[in-house]
Protein backbone atom coordinates (compact mmCIF):
# COMPACT_ATOMS: atom_id res chain seq x y z
CA UNK A 1 30.28 -12.51 -67.87
CA UNK A 2 33.27 -13.23 -70.05
CA UNK A 3 35.52 -11.65 -67.40
CA UNK A 4 34.03 -13.81 -64.64
CA UNK A 5 34.33 -16.87 -66.82
CA UNK A 6 37.96 -16.02 -67.47
CA UNK A 7 38.66 -15.70 -63.74
CA UNK A 8 37.03 -19.07 -63.15
CA UNK A 9 39.18 -20.60 -65.87
CA UNK A 10 42.34 -19.15 -64.32
CA UNK A 11 41.27 -20.34 -60.87
CA UNK A 12 40.63 -23.86 -62.12
CA UNK A 13 43.97 -23.85 -63.94
CA UNK A 14 45.90 -22.73 -60.87
CA UNK A 15 44.03 -25.11 -58.57
CA UNK A 16 44.97 -28.04 -60.78
CA UNK A 17 48.46 -26.83 -61.75
CA UNK A 18 50.99 -29.56 -61.21
CA UNK A 19 54.66 -28.84 -61.92
CA UNK A 20 55.73 -32.15 -60.41
CA UNK A 21 53.40 -34.37 -62.44
CA UNK A 22 54.33 -38.06 -62.47
CA UNK A 23 52.82 -41.27 -63.75
CA UNK A 24 52.06 -42.36 -60.19
CA UNK A 25 49.87 -39.31 -59.68
CA UNK A 26 47.61 -40.30 -62.54
CA UNK A 27 46.43 -43.40 -60.69
CA UNK A 28 46.91 -42.30 -57.06
CA UNK A 29 44.70 -39.36 -55.89
CA UNK A 30 46.78 -38.83 -52.73
CA UNK A 31 49.98 -38.63 -54.76
CA UNK A 32 48.30 -36.19 -57.16
CA UNK A 33 47.17 -33.99 -54.27
CA UNK A 34 50.69 -34.00 -52.82
CA UNK A 35 52.15 -32.92 -56.18
CA UNK A 36 49.63 -30.05 -56.48
CA UNK A 37 50.37 -28.85 -52.92
CA UNK A 38 54.12 -29.04 -53.63
CA UNK A 39 53.56 -26.95 -56.76
CA UNK A 40 51.73 -24.25 -54.79
CA UNK A 41 54.46 -24.14 -52.13
CA UNK A 42 57.11 -23.95 -54.82
CA UNK A 43 55.34 -21.03 -56.57
CA UNK A 44 54.95 -19.12 -53.28
CA UNK A 45 58.62 -19.61 -52.33
CA UNK A 46 59.75 -18.69 -55.84
CA UNK A 47 57.75 -15.45 -55.71
CA UNK A 48 59.18 -14.61 -52.29
CA UNK A 49 62.73 -15.23 -53.57
CA UNK A 50 62.15 -13.02 -56.62
CA UNK A 51 60.69 -10.27 -54.41
CA UNK A 52 63.68 -10.36 -52.05
CA UNK A 53 66.08 -10.27 -54.99
CA UNK A 54 64.31 -7.26 -56.51
CA UNK A 55 64.20 -5.49 -53.15
CA UNK A 56 67.91 -6.10 -52.53
CA UNK A 57 68.77 -4.85 -56.01
CA UNK A 58 66.69 -1.72 -55.50
CA UNK A 59 68.30 -0.93 -52.13
CA UNK A 60 71.87 -1.73 -53.13
CA UNK A 61 74.14 1.32 -53.45
CA UNK A 62 76.39 1.54 -56.42
CA UNK A 63 79.96 2.38 -55.41
CA UNK A 64 81.69 4.90 -57.63
CA UNK A 65 85.31 5.86 -57.10
CA UNK A 66 86.59 9.24 -58.28
CA UNK A 67 90.35 9.75 -58.23
CA UNK A 68 91.99 13.19 -58.28
CA UNK A 69 95.75 12.95 -58.60
CA UNK A 70 98.00 15.45 -56.85
CA UNK A 71 95.22 17.76 -55.62
CA UNK A 72 96.09 21.25 -54.44
CA UNK A 73 95.61 22.30 -50.83
CA UNK A 74 92.46 24.26 -51.73
CA UNK A 75 90.99 21.28 -53.62
CA UNK A 76 91.72 18.94 -50.72
CA UNK A 77 90.19 21.29 -48.15
CA UNK A 78 87.07 21.77 -50.28
CA UNK A 79 86.42 18.05 -50.73
CA UNK A 80 87.35 17.30 -47.13
CA UNK A 81 84.83 19.84 -45.86
CA UNK A 82 82.13 18.55 -48.21
CA UNK A 83 82.55 14.88 -47.35
CA UNK A 84 82.94 15.57 -43.64
CA UNK A 85 79.48 17.16 -43.72
CA UNK A 86 78.10 14.11 -45.51
CA UNK A 87 79.69 11.82 -42.95
CA UNK A 88 78.02 13.72 -40.12
CA UNK A 89 74.67 13.28 -41.87
CA UNK A 90 75.32 9.48 -41.95
CA UNK A 91 75.90 9.49 -45.69
CA UNK A 92 77.82 6.43 -46.88
CA UNK A 93 80.06 8.61 -49.06
CA UNK A 94 83.70 8.46 -47.99
CA UNK A 95 86.76 10.55 -48.78
CA UNK A 96 90.39 9.52 -48.54
CA UNK A 97 93.58 11.19 -49.63
CA UNK A 98 96.63 8.95 -49.31
CA UNK A 99 100.02 10.46 -48.63
CA UNK A 100 102.82 9.82 -51.08
CA UNK A 101 105.21 10.09 -48.12
CA UNK A 102 104.11 8.47 -44.87
CA UNK A 103 107.00 9.84 -42.76
CA UNK A 104 107.39 13.62 -42.83
CA UNK A 105 110.05 15.34 -40.67
CA UNK A 106 108.58 17.92 -38.32
CA UNK A 107 111.41 20.29 -39.22
CA UNK A 108 109.99 20.61 -42.74
CA UNK A 109 106.55 21.52 -41.38
CA UNK A 110 107.04 23.46 -38.16
CA UNK A 111 109.22 26.39 -37.16
CA UNK A 112 109.59 26.83 -33.39
CA UNK A 113 110.91 29.99 -31.76
CA UNK A 114 111.10 30.94 -28.10
CA UNK A 115 111.80 33.99 -26.00
CA UNK A 116 113.71 33.92 -22.73
CA UNK A 117 113.19 36.33 -19.88
CA UNK A 118 114.46 39.82 -20.81
CA UNK A 119 117.16 39.58 -18.16
CA UNK A 120 118.80 36.79 -20.20
CA UNK A 121 119.42 39.24 -23.02
CA UNK A 122 120.35 42.18 -20.83
CA UNK A 123 123.68 43.64 -19.84
CA UNK A 124 123.42 41.92 -16.45
CA UNK A 125 124.71 38.61 -17.85
CA UNK A 126 127.48 40.13 -19.95
CA UNK A 127 131.12 39.54 -19.13
CA UNK A 128 131.71 43.26 -18.77
CA UNK A 129 129.05 43.53 -16.04
CA UNK A 130 130.26 40.43 -14.18
CA UNK A 131 133.88 41.62 -14.37
CA UNK A 132 132.81 45.05 -13.18
CA UNK A 133 131.43 43.52 -10.00
CA UNK A 134 134.61 41.62 -9.30
CA UNK A 135 136.94 43.13 -6.74
CA UNK A 136 140.05 41.65 -5.16
CA UNK A 137 138.92 43.21 -1.89
CA UNK A 138 135.47 41.54 -1.84
CA UNK A 139 136.54 39.20 0.95
CA UNK A 140 136.91 42.23 3.23
CA UNK A 141 133.34 43.39 2.70
CA UNK A 142 130.62 42.74 5.21
CA UNK A 143 128.85 39.41 4.34
CA UNK A 144 125.54 41.16 3.64
CA UNK A 145 127.19 43.79 1.47
CA UNK A 146 126.08 43.27 -2.14
CA UNK A 147 129.63 43.84 -3.34
CA UNK A 148 130.79 40.68 -1.58
CA UNK A 149 128.37 38.41 -3.43
CA UNK A 150 127.25 40.37 -6.50
CA UNK A 151 129.85 38.86 -8.79
CA UNK A 152 128.89 35.29 -7.84
CA UNK A 153 125.16 35.96 -8.07
CA UNK A 154 125.36 37.34 -11.58
CA UNK A 155 127.68 34.52 -12.61
CA UNK A 156 124.96 32.15 -11.42
CA UNK A 157 122.33 34.15 -13.32
CA UNK A 158 124.47 33.95 -16.45
CA UNK A 159 124.84 30.19 -16.04
CA UNK A 160 121.10 29.74 -15.57
CA UNK A 161 120.34 31.75 -18.71
CA UNK A 162 122.87 29.76 -20.73
CA UNK A 163 121.53 26.51 -19.32
CA UNK A 164 117.92 27.46 -20.12
CA UNK A 165 118.88 28.48 -23.65
CA UNK A 166 120.79 25.23 -24.23
CA UNK A 167 117.99 23.12 -22.74
CA UNK A 168 115.42 24.75 -25.02
CA UNK A 169 117.61 24.33 -28.09
CA UNK A 170 118.16 20.65 -27.31
CA UNK A 171 114.45 20.04 -26.69
CA UNK A 172 113.47 21.76 -29.94
CA UNK A 173 116.13 19.90 -31.93
CA UNK A 174 114.92 16.59 -30.50
CA UNK A 175 111.31 17.43 -31.32
CA UNK A 176 112.02 18.58 -34.88
CA UNK A 177 114.06 15.44 -35.54
CA UNK A 178 110.92 13.35 -35.06
CA UNK A 179 108.53 12.44 -37.87
CA UNK A 180 104.86 13.01 -38.47
CA UNK A 181 103.47 9.56 -39.28
CA UNK A 182 100.20 9.51 -41.20
CA UNK A 183 99.07 7.37 -44.14
CA UNK A 184 96.28 9.85 -44.97
CA UNK A 185 96.45 13.58 -45.56
CA UNK A 186 95.38 15.64 -42.55
CA UNK A 187 93.08 18.60 -42.82
CA UNK A 188 94.47 21.97 -41.76
CA UNK A 189 92.42 21.91 -38.55
CA UNK A 190 93.54 18.37 -37.70
CA UNK A 191 97.17 19.25 -38.37
CA UNK A 192 96.95 22.41 -36.24
CA UNK A 193 95.32 20.50 -33.38
CA UNK A 194 97.97 17.79 -33.51
CA UNK A 195 100.78 20.35 -33.74
CA UNK A 196 99.40 22.36 -30.81
CA UNK A 197 99.13 19.20 -28.72
CA UNK A 198 102.74 18.31 -29.55
CA UNK A 199 103.87 21.87 -28.74
CA UNK A 200 102.09 21.75 -25.37
CA UNK A 201 103.78 18.45 -24.59
CA UNK A 202 107.14 19.95 -25.59
CA UNK A 203 106.61 22.89 -23.21
CA UNK A 204 105.56 20.67 -20.33
CA UNK A 205 108.37 18.15 -20.76
CA UNK A 206 111.02 20.87 -21.15
CA UNK A 207 109.89 22.68 -18.00
CA UNK A 208 109.84 19.39 -16.11
CA UNK A 209 113.35 18.50 -17.30
CA UNK A 210 114.70 21.94 -16.40
CA UNK A 211 113.19 21.86 -12.93
CA UNK A 212 114.39 18.32 -12.33
CA UNK A 213 117.99 19.29 -13.13
CA UNK A 214 117.79 22.36 -10.91
CA UNK A 215 116.39 20.29 -8.06
CA UNK A 216 119.19 17.78 -8.59
CA UNK A 217 121.79 20.55 -8.20
CA UNK A 218 120.06 21.90 -5.10
CA UNK A 219 119.71 18.45 -3.54
CA UNK A 220 123.35 17.61 -4.28
CA UNK A 221 124.49 20.88 -2.73
CA UNK A 222 122.35 20.31 0.35
CA UNK A 223 123.34 16.67 0.87
CA UNK A 224 127.04 17.43 0.52
CA UNK A 225 126.73 20.50 2.78
CA UNK A 226 128.32 22.70 0.14
CA UNK A 227 128.41 26.40 0.87
CA UNK A 228 127.39 28.54 -2.13
CA UNK A 229 129.83 31.32 -2.97
CA UNK A 230 127.20 34.06 -2.81
CA UNK A 231 125.86 33.08 0.61
């Protein structure tokens, strides 16, 4: 009974609670009722605001920054792999490693080598072989005799090999003189992918340039009706 009486007391207290009590409400029942209703609305809104604040505080993530200065390659790769996995799982954890040097010359990172066709390193482009094919009597040979055009053909082969070698050297020098621009450290896989893409572009552009120059020579020869020496 005491419990029920206590509940009734609390109910009566809340039903008559007036946080906006005024002297006018003491003599005006309508004004008193308005003040009580305003009190109830105020209490409900206050409770809702407190609930939202508590919910926001409970759901808010605390940001913690951990700085590792001058990490080794192994340390960087370990953390990069770990936080990449978290990122894929939609974890809010992030990982950044800023570069102390934004511009890095490719020549300090990449070493490019190439190999020409074996004929370009054979005896067939040597001066001794070309001179061996030269004869003061070659003009007396039949036009389809190899001896009448062999010297000119191997001179052309030598020039093509030298031209290809020079074109490759120039293309590689131009590429290595460029810079890798990145504000953040790249993972080994990202760097390899970017390097392979750049290498593929270098191959394609060099081949295109070489073919364009050869076509220019052929077109110039054809338009000017020049007769090649070996023909």
